[in-house]
Amino acid sequence: QLVESGGGLVQLGGSLTLSCAASGIIFSIRAMG
């Protein structure tokens, strides 16, 4: 499962940081994006 967070409303020129946490992981994740 992937759970994202961090979205929202921002003004022109502003900044945001999104996060995505993966659960149920047993071995290495090849790539995330």
Full PDB file with SEQRES, HELIX, SHEET, SSBOND, CRYST1, ORIGX, SCALE, CONECT and MASTER records, all heavy atoms in Angstrom:
SEQRES   1 A   33  GLN LEU VAL GLU SER GLY GLY GLY LEU VAL GLN LEU GLY          
SEQRES   2 A   33  GLY SER LEU THR LEU SER CYS ALA ALA SER GLY ILE ILE          
SEQRES   3 A   33  PHE SER ILE ARG ALA MET GLY                                  
SHEET    1 AA1 2 LEU A   2  SER A   5  0                                        
SHEET    2 AA1 2 SER A  19  ALA A  22 -1                                        
CRYST1    1.000    1.000    1.000  90.00  90.00  90.00 P 1           1          
ORIGX1      1.000000  0.000000  0.000000        0.00000                         
ORIGX2      0.000000  1.000000  0.000000        0.00000                         
ORIGX3      0.000000  0.000000  1.000000        0.00000                         
SCALE1      1.000000  0.000000  0.000000        0.00000                         
SCALE2      0.000000  1.000000  0.000000        0.00000                         
SCALE3      0.000000  0.000000  1.000000        0.00000                         
ATOM      1  N   GLN A   1       0.845  -1.196   0.000  1.00  0.00           N  
ATOM      2  CA  GLN A   1       0.000   0.000   0.000  1.00  0.00           C  
ATOM      3  C   GLN A   1       0.874   1.237   0.000  1.00  0.00           C  
ATOM      4  O   GLN A   1       1.944   1.255   0.616  1.00  0.00           O  
ATOM      5  CB  GLN A   1      -0.926   0.013   1.215  1.00  0.00           C  
ATOM      6  CG  GLN A   1      -2.010  -1.054   1.185  1.00  0.00           C  
ATOM      7  CD  GLN A   1      -3.020  -0.890   2.306  1.00  0.00           C  
ATOM      8  OE1 GLN A   1      -2.670  -0.453   3.391  1.00  0.00           O  
ATOM      9  NE2 GLN A   1      -4.268  -1.241   2.033  1.00  0.00           N  
ATOM     10  N   LEU A   2       0.408   2.262  -0.695  1.00  0.00           N  
ATOM     11  CA  LEU A   2       1.107   3.542  -0.755  1.00  0.00           C  
ATOM     12  C   LEU A   2       0.186   4.618  -0.187  1.00  0.00           C  
ATOM     13  O   LEU A   2      -0.973   4.715  -0.596  1.00  0.00           O  
ATOM     14  CB  LEU A   2       1.487   3.893  -2.193  1.00  0.00           C  
ATOM     15  CG  LEU A   2       2.310   2.865  -2.962  1.00  0.00           C  
ATOM     16  CD1 LEU A   2       2.598   3.366  -4.371  1.00  0.00           C  
ATOM     17  CD2 LEU A   2       3.591   2.541  -2.236  1.00  0.00           C  
ATOM     18  N   VAL A   3       0.723   5.411   0.708  1.00  0.00           N  
ATOM     19  CA  VAL A   3      -0.054   6.480   1.309  1.00  0.00           C  
ATOM     20  C   VAL A   3       0.672   7.795   1.065  1.00  0.00           C  
ATOM     21  O   VAL A   3       1.809   7.979   1.515  1.00  0.00           O  
ATOM     22  CB  VAL A   3      -0.263   6.267   2.816  1.00  0.00           C  
ATOM     23  CG1 VAL A   3      -1.027   7.442   3.416  1.00  0.00           C  
ATOM     24  CG2 VAL A   3      -1.006   4.958   3.060  1.00  0.00           C  
ATOM     25  N   GLU A   4       0.004   8.694   0.357  1.00  0.00           N  
ATOM     26  CA  GLU A   4       0.581   9.983   0.014  1.00  0.00           C  
ATOM     27  C   GLU A   4       0.079  11.061   0.960  1.00  0.00           C  
ATOM     28  O   GLU A   4      -1.029  10.974   1.490  1.00  0.00           O  
ATOM     29  CB  GLU A   4       0.206  10.349  -1.416  1.00  0.00           C  
ATOM     30  CG  GLU A   4       0.727   9.367  -2.430  1.00  0.00           C  
ATOM     31  CD  GLU A   4      -0.150   9.317  -3.666  1.00  0.00           C  
ATOM     32  OE1 GLU A   4      -1.275   9.826  -3.612  1.00  0.00           O  
ATOM     33  OE2 GLU A   4       0.280   8.754  -4.679  1.00  0.00           O  
ATOM     34  N   SER A   5       0.871  12.083   1.110  1.00  0.00           N  
ATOM     35  CA  SER A   5       0.468  13.232   1.911  1.00  0.00           C  
ATOM     36  C   SER A   5       1.237  14.465   1.445  1.00  0.00           C  
ATOM     37  O   SER A   5       2.235  14.344   0.726  1.00  0.00           O  
ATOM     38  CB  SER A   5       0.732  12.980   3.394  1.00  0.00           C  
ATOM     39  OG  SER A   5       2.110  12.756   3.616  1.00  0.00           O  
ATOM     40  N   GLY A   6       0.745  15.639   1.860  1.00  0.00           N  
ATOM     41  CA  GLY A   6       1.476  16.869   1.600  1.00  0.00           C  
ATOM     42  C   GLY A   6       0.890  17.774   0.542  1.00  0.00           C  
ATOM     43  O   GLY A   6       1.400  18.878   0.326  1.00  0.00           O  
ATOM     44  N   GLY A   7      -0.152  17.336  -0.135  1.00  0.00           N  
ATOM     45  CA  GLY A   7      -0.741  18.203  -1.148  1.00  0.00           C  
ATOM     46  C   GLY A   7      -1.476  19.369  -0.527  1.00  0.00           C  
ATOM     47  O   GLY A   7      -1.642  19.449   0.688  1.00  0.00           O  
ATOM     48  N   GLY A   8      -1.904  20.293  -1.369  1.00  0.00           N  
ATOM     49  CA  GLY A   8      -2.652  21.436  -0.871  1.00  0.00           C  
ATOM     50  C   GLY A   8      -2.659  22.582  -1.853  1.00  0.00           C  
ATOM     51  O   GLY A   8      -2.325  22.416  -3.029  1.00  0.00           O  
ATOM     52  N   LEU A   9      -3.049  23.737  -1.350  1.00  0.00           N  
ATOM     53  CA  LEU A   9      -3.136  24.957  -2.149  1.00  0.00           C  
ATOM     54  C   LEU A   9      -1.931  25.836  -1.854  1.00  0.00           C  
ATOM     55  O   LEU A   9      -1.603  26.076  -0.691  1.00  0.00           O  
ATOM     56  CB  LEU A   9      -4.425  25.702  -1.815  1.00  0.00           C  
ATOM     57  CG  LEU A   9      -4.638  27.070  -2.466  1.00  0.00           C  
ATOM     58  CD1 LEU A   9      -4.763  26.921  -3.980  1.00  0.00           C  
ATOM     59  CD2 LEU A   9      -5.884  27.735  -1.886  1.00  0.00           C  
ATOM     60  N   VAL A  10      -1.290  26.325  -2.897  1.00  0.00           N  
ATOM     61  CA  VAL A  10      -0.112  27.168  -2.729  1.00  0.00           C  
ATOM     62  C   VAL A  10      -0.148  28.267  -3.785  1.00  0.00           C  
ATOM     63  O   VAL A  10      -0.717  28.083  -4.861  1.00  0.00           O  
ATOM     64  CB  VAL A  10       1.177  26.322  -2.846  1.00  0.00           C  
ATOM     65  CG1 VAL A  10       1.322  25.724  -4.236  1.00  0.00           C  
ATOM     66  CG2 VAL A  10       2.407  27.115  -2.457  1.00  0.00           C  
ATOM     67  N   GLN A  11       0.452  29.372  -3.471  1.00  0.00           N  
ATOM     68  CA  GLN A  11       0.478  30.489  -4.416  1.00  0.00           C  
ATOM     69  C   GLN A  11       1.603  30.326  -5.427  1.00  0.00           C  
ATOM     70  O   GLN A  11       2.571  29.595  -5.196  1.00  0.00           O  
ATOM     71  CB  GLN A  11       0.630  31.805  -3.664  1.00  0.00           C  
ATOM     72  CG  GLN A  11      -0.595  32.188  -2.862  1.00  0.00           C  
ATOM     73  CD  GLN A  11      -0.477  33.584  -2.267  1.00  0.00           C  
ATOM     74  OE1 GLN A  11       0.622  34.075  -2.050  1.00  0.00           O  
ATOM     75  NE2 GLN A  11      -1.622  34.210  -2.018  1.00  0.00           N  
ATOM     76  N   LEU A  12       1.467  31.045  -6.523  1.00  0.00           N  
ATOM     77  CA  LEU A  12       2.495  31.079  -7.557  1.00  0.00           C  
ATOM     78  C   LEU A  12       3.859  31.358  -6.938  1.00  0.00           C  
ATOM     79  O   LEU A  12       4.005  32.283  -6.137  1.00  0.00           O  
ATOM     80  CB  LEU A  12       2.154  32.163  -8.575  1.00  0.00           C  
ATOM     81  CG  LEU A  12       3.181  32.461  -9.652  1.00  0.00           C  
ATOM     82  CD1 LEU A  12       3.328  31.277 -10.590  1.00  0.00           C  
ATOM     83  CD2 LEU A  12       2.802  33.717 -10.423  1.00  0.00           C  
ATOM     84  N   GLY A  13       4.839  30.527  -7.287  1.00  0.00           N  
ATOM     85  CA  GLY A  13       6.182  30.695  -6.768  1.00  0.00           C  
ATOM     86  C   GLY A  13       6.438  30.015  -5.440  1.00  0.00           C  
ATOM     87  O   GLY A  13       7.574  30.008  -4.955  1.00  0.00           O  
ATOM     88  N   GLY A  14       5.415  29.426  -4.869  1.00  0.00           N  
ATOM     89  CA  GLY A  14       5.544  28.779  -3.577  1.00  0.00           C  
ATOM     90  C   GLY A  14       6.138  27.384  -3.667  1.00  0.00           C  
ATOM     91  O   GLY A  14       6.516  26.918  -4.745  1.00  0.00           O  
ATOM     92  N   SER A  15       6.186  26.727  -2.511  1.00  0.00           N  
ATOM     93  CA  SER A  15       6.780  25.393  -2.416  1.00  0.00           C  
ATOM     94  C   SER A  15       5.866  24.437  -1.663  1.00  0.00           C  
ATOM     95  O   SER A  15       5.080  24.863  -0.808  1.00  0.00           O  
ATOM     96  CB  SER A  15       8.125  25.464  -1.680  1.00  0.00           C  
ATOM     97  OG  SER A  15       9.046  26.274  -2.385  1.00  0.00           O  
ATOM     98  N   LEU A  16       5.988  23.183  -2.002  1.00  0.00           N  
ATOM     99  CA  LEU A  16       5.299  22.102  -1.303  1.00  0.00           C  
ATOM    100  C   LEU A  16       6.192  20.880  -1.315  1.00  0.00           C  
ATOM    101  O   LEU A  16       6.982  20.701  -2.260  1.00  0.00           O  
ATOM    102  CB  LEU A  16       3.979  21.743  -1.986  1.00  0.00           C  
ATOM    103  CG  LEU A  16       2.717  22.527  -1.683  1.00  0.00           C  
ATOM    104  CD1 LEU A  16       1.568  22.003  -2.542  1.00  0.00           C  
ATOM    105  CD2 LEU A  16       2.354  22.479  -0.214  1.00  0.00           C  
ATOM    106  N   THR A  17       6.021  20.035  -0.317  1.00  0.00           N  
ATOM    107  CA  THR A  17       6.709  18.749  -0.305  1.00  0.00           C  
ATOM    108  C   THR A  17       5.687  17.639  -0.153  1.00  0.00           C  
ATOM    109  O   THR A  17       4.891  17.650   0.791  1.00  0.00           O  
ATOM    110  CB  THR A  17       7.726  18.663   0.839  1.00  0.00           C  
ATOM    111  OG1 THR A  17       8.707  19.698   0.684  1.00  0.00           O  
ATOM    112  CG2 THR A  17       8.432  17.324   0.830  1.00  0.00           C  
ATOM    113  N   LEU A  18       5.709  16.714  -1.086  1.00  0.00           N  
ATOM    114  CA  LEU A  18       4.842  15.547  -1.032  1.00  0.00           C  
ATOM    115  C   LEU A  18       5.628  14.365  -0.466  1.00  0.00           C  
ATOM    116  O   LEU A  18       6.835  14.253  -0.688  1.00  0.00           O  
ATOM    117  CB  LEU A  18       4.319  15.187  -2.416  1.00  0.00           C  
ATOM    118  CG  LEU A  18       3.617  16.282  -3.207  1.00  0.00           C  
ATOM    119  CD1 LEU A  18       3.112  15.730  -4.541  1.00  0.00           C  
ATOM    120  CD2 LEU A  18       2.475  16.880  -2.427  1.00  0.00           C  
ATOM    121  N   SER A  19       4.909  13.507   0.236  1.00  0.00           N  
ATOM    122  CA  SER A  19       5.510  12.291   0.773  1.00  0.00           C  
ATOM    123  C   SER A  19       4.674  11.092   0.351  1.00  0.00           C  
ATOM    124  O   SER A  19       3.463  11.208   0.179  1.00  0.00           O  
ATOM    125  CB  SER A  19       5.573  12.338   2.301  1.00  0.00           C  
ATOM    126  OG  SER A  19       6.321  13.424   2.753  1.00  0.00           O  
ATOM    127  N   CYS A  20       5.334   9.965   0.223  1.00  0.00           N  
ATOM    128  CA  CYS A  20       4.641   8.726  -0.105  1.00  0.00           C  
ATOM    129  C   CYS A  20       5.318   7.592   0.659  1.00  0.00           C  
ATOM    130  O   CYS A  20       6.502   7.311   0.428  1.00  0.00           O  
ATOM    131  CB  CYS A  20       4.685   8.461  -1.597  1.00  0.00           C  
ATOM    132  SG  CYS A  20       4.046   6.846  -2.091  1.00  0.00           S  
ATOM    133  N   ALA A  21       4.573   6.990   1.550  1.00  0.00           N  
ATOM    134  CA  ALA A  21       5.105   5.900   2.363  1.00  0.00           C  
ATOM    135  C   ALA A  21       4.529   4.571   1.884  1.00  0.00           C  
ATOM    136  O   ALA A  21       3.304   4.439   1.751  1.00  0.00           O  
ATOM    137  CB  ALA A  21       4.764   6.123   3.825  1.00  0.00           C  
ATOM    138  N   ALA A  22       5.412   3.626   1.647  1.00  0.00           N  
ATOM    139  CA  ALA A  22       4.992   2.296   1.197  1.00  0.00           C  
ATOM    140  C   ALA A  22       5.020   1.320   2.368  1.00  0.00           C  
ATOM    141  O   ALA A  22       5.964   1.317   3.160  1.00  0.00           O  
ATOM    142  CB  ALA A  22       5.920   1.807   0.097  1.00  0.00           C  
ATOM    143  N   SER A  23       3.967   0.519   2.464  1.00  0.00           N  
ATOM    144  CA  SER A  23       3.908  -0.517   3.484  1.00  0.00           C  
ATOM    145  C   SER A  23       3.723  -1.880   2.823  1.00  0.00           C  
ATOM    146  O   SER A  23       3.390  -1.956   1.640  1.00  0.00           O  
ATOM    147  CB  SER A  23       2.774  -0.246   4.469  1.00  0.00           C  
ATOM    148  OG  SER A  23       1.539  -0.222   3.796  1.00  0.00           O  
ATOM    149  N   GLY A  24       3.959  -2.931   3.592  1.00  0.00           N  
ATOM    150  CA  GLY A  24       3.867  -4.273   3.022  1.00  0.00           C  
ATOM    151  C   GLY A  24       5.076  -4.631   2.199  1.00  0.00           C  
ATOM    152  O   GLY A  24       5.028  -5.558   1.378  1.00  0.00           O  
ATOM    153  N   ILE A  25       6.172  -3.908   2.411  1.00  0.00           N  
ATOM    154  CA  ILE A  25       7.400  -4.113   1.637  1.00  0.00           C  
ATOM    155  C   ILE A  25       8.281  -5.144   2.326  1.00  0.00           C  
ATOM    156  O   ILE A  25       8.576  -5.001   3.519  1.00  0.00           O  
ATOM    157  CB  ILE A  25       8.163  -2.786   1.466  1.00  0.00           C  
ATOM    158  CG1 ILE A  25       7.278  -1.745   0.777  1.00  0.00           C  
ATOM    159  CG2 ILE A  25       9.469  -3.017   0.716  1.00  0.00           C  
ATOM    160  CD1 ILE A  25       6.845  -2.126  -0.618  1.00  0.00           C  
ATOM    161  N   ILE A  26       8.716  -6.142   1.562  1.00  0.00           N  
ATOM    162  CA  ILE A  26       9.565  -7.198   2.116  1.00  0.00           C  
ATOM    163  C   ILE A  26      10.996  -7.089   1.590  1.00  0.00           C  
ATOM    164  O   ILE A  26      11.954  -7.243   2.342  1.00  0.00           O  
ATOM    165  CB  ILE A  26       8.992  -8.588   1.789  1.00  0.00           C  
ATOM    166  CG1 ILE A  26       7.610  -8.745   2.410  1.00  0.00           C  
ATOM    167  CG2 ILE A  26       9.938  -9.678   2.274  1.00  0.00           C  
ATOM    168  CD1 ILE A  26       6.917 -10.035   2.026  1.00  0.00           C  
ATOM    169  N   PHE A  27      11.147  -6.814   0.301  1.00  0.00           N  
ATOM    170  CA  PHE A  27      12.484  -6.667  -0.271  1.00  0.00           C  
ATOM    171  C   PHE A  27      12.617  -5.290  -0.899  1.00  0.00           C  
ATOM    172  O   PHE A  27      11.699  -4.478  -0.826  1.00  0.00           O  
ATOM    173  CB  PHE A  27      12.771  -7.781  -1.277  1.00  0.00           C  
ATOM    174  CG  PHE A  27      11.672  -8.022  -2.264  1.00  0.00           C  
ATOM    175  CD1 PHE A  27      11.625  -7.313  -3.458  1.00  0.00           C  
ATOM    176  CD2 PHE A  27      10.685  -8.968  -2.019  1.00  0.00           C  
ATOM    177  CE1 PHE A  27      10.619  -7.539  -4.369  1.00  0.00           C  
ATOM    178  CE2 PHE A  27       9.678  -9.193  -2.931  1.00  0.00           C  
ATOM    179  CZ  PHE A  27       9.633  -8.479  -4.109  1.00  0.00           C  
ATOM    180  N   SER A  28      13.761  -5.023  -1.511  1.00  0.00           N  
ATOM    181  CA  SER A  28      14.073  -3.672  -1.967  1.00  0.00           C  
ATOM    182  C   SER A  28      13.149  -3.198  -3.090  1.00  0.00           C  
ATOM    183  O   SER A  28      12.808  -3.958  -3.986  1.00  0.00           O  
ATOM    184  CB  SER A  28      15.525  -3.607  -2.444  1.00  0.00           C  
ATOM    185  OG  SER A  28      16.399  -3.942  -1.408  1.00  0.00           O  
ATOM    186  N   ILE A  29      12.794  -1.945  -3.028  1.00  0.00           N  
ATOM    187  CA  ILE A  29      12.008  -1.302  -4.075  1.00  0.00           C  
ATOM    188  C   ILE A  29      12.971  -0.833  -5.162  1.00  0.00           C  
ATOM    189  O   ILE A  29      13.911  -0.093  -4.884  1.00  0.00           O  
ATOM    190  CB  ILE A  29      11.221  -0.105  -3.519  1.00  0.00           C  
ATOM    191  CG1 ILE A  29      10.263  -0.572  -2.422  1.00  0.00           C  
ATOM    192  CG2 ILE A  29      10.468   0.607  -4.634  1.00  0.00           C  
ATOM    193  CD1 ILE A  29       9.593   0.567  -1.676  1.00  0.00           C  
ATOM    194  N   ARG A  30      12.722  -1.246  -6.393  1.00  0.00           N  
ATOM    195  CA  ARG A  30      13.642  -0.916  -7.482  1.00  0.00           C  
ATOM    196  C   ARG A  30      13.655   0.574  -7.776  1.00  0.00           C  
ATOM    197  O   ARG A  30      14.704   1.179  -7.981  1.00  0.00           O  
ATOM    198  CB  ARG A  30      13.293  -1.693  -8.747  1.00  0.00           C  
ATOM    199  CG  ARG A  30      13.602  -3.176  -8.644  1.00  0.00           C  
ATOM    200  CD  ARG A  30      13.381  -3.875  -9.973  1.00  0.00           C  
ATOM    201  NE  ARG A  30      11.973  -4.001 -10.301  1.00  0.00           N  
ATOM    202  CZ  ARG A  30      11.378  -3.387 -11.306  1.00  0.00           C  
ATOM    203  NH1 ARG A  30      12.069  -2.586 -12.097  1.00  0.00           N  
ATOM    204  NH2 ARG A  30      10.098  -3.564 -11.543  1.00  0.00           N  
ATOM    205  N   ALA A  31      12.491   1.165  -7.824  1.00  0.00           N  
ATOM    206  CA  ALA A  31      12.410   2.595  -8.125  1.00  0.00           C  
ATOM    207  C   ALA A  31      11.141   3.164  -7.517  1.00  0.00           C  
ATOM    208  O   ALA A  31      10.139   2.452  -7.359  1.00  0.00           O  
ATOM    209  CB  ALA A  31      12.422   2.842  -9.626  1.00  0.00           C  
ATOM    210  N   MET A  32      11.204   4.430  -7.184  1.00  0.00           N  
ATOM    211  CA  MET A  32      10.042   5.150  -6.644  1.00  0.00           C  
ATOM    212  C   MET A  32       9.937   6.460  -7.417  1.00  0.00           C  
ATOM    213  O   MET A  32      10.958   7.071  -7.750  1.00  0.00           O  
ATOM    214  CB  MET A  32      10.221   5.430  -5.155  1.00  0.00           C  
ATOM    215  CG  MET A  32      10.536   4.199  -4.323  1.00  0.00           C  
ATOM    216  SD  MET A  32      10.708   4.543  -2.559  1.00  0.00           S  
ATOM    217  CE  MET A  32       8.974   4.622  -2.061  1.00  0.00           C  
ATOM    218  N   GLY A  33       8.717   6.880  -7.654  1.00  0.00           N  
ATOM    219  CA  GLY A  33       8.588   8.098  -8.435  1.00  0.00           C  
ATOM    220  C   GLY A  33       7.233   8.746  -8.314  1.00  0.00           C  
ATOM    221  O   GLY A  33       6.390   8.326  -7.518  1.00  0.00           O  
TER     222      GLY A  33                                                      
MASTER        0    0    0    0    2    0    0    6  221    1    0    3          
END                                                                             
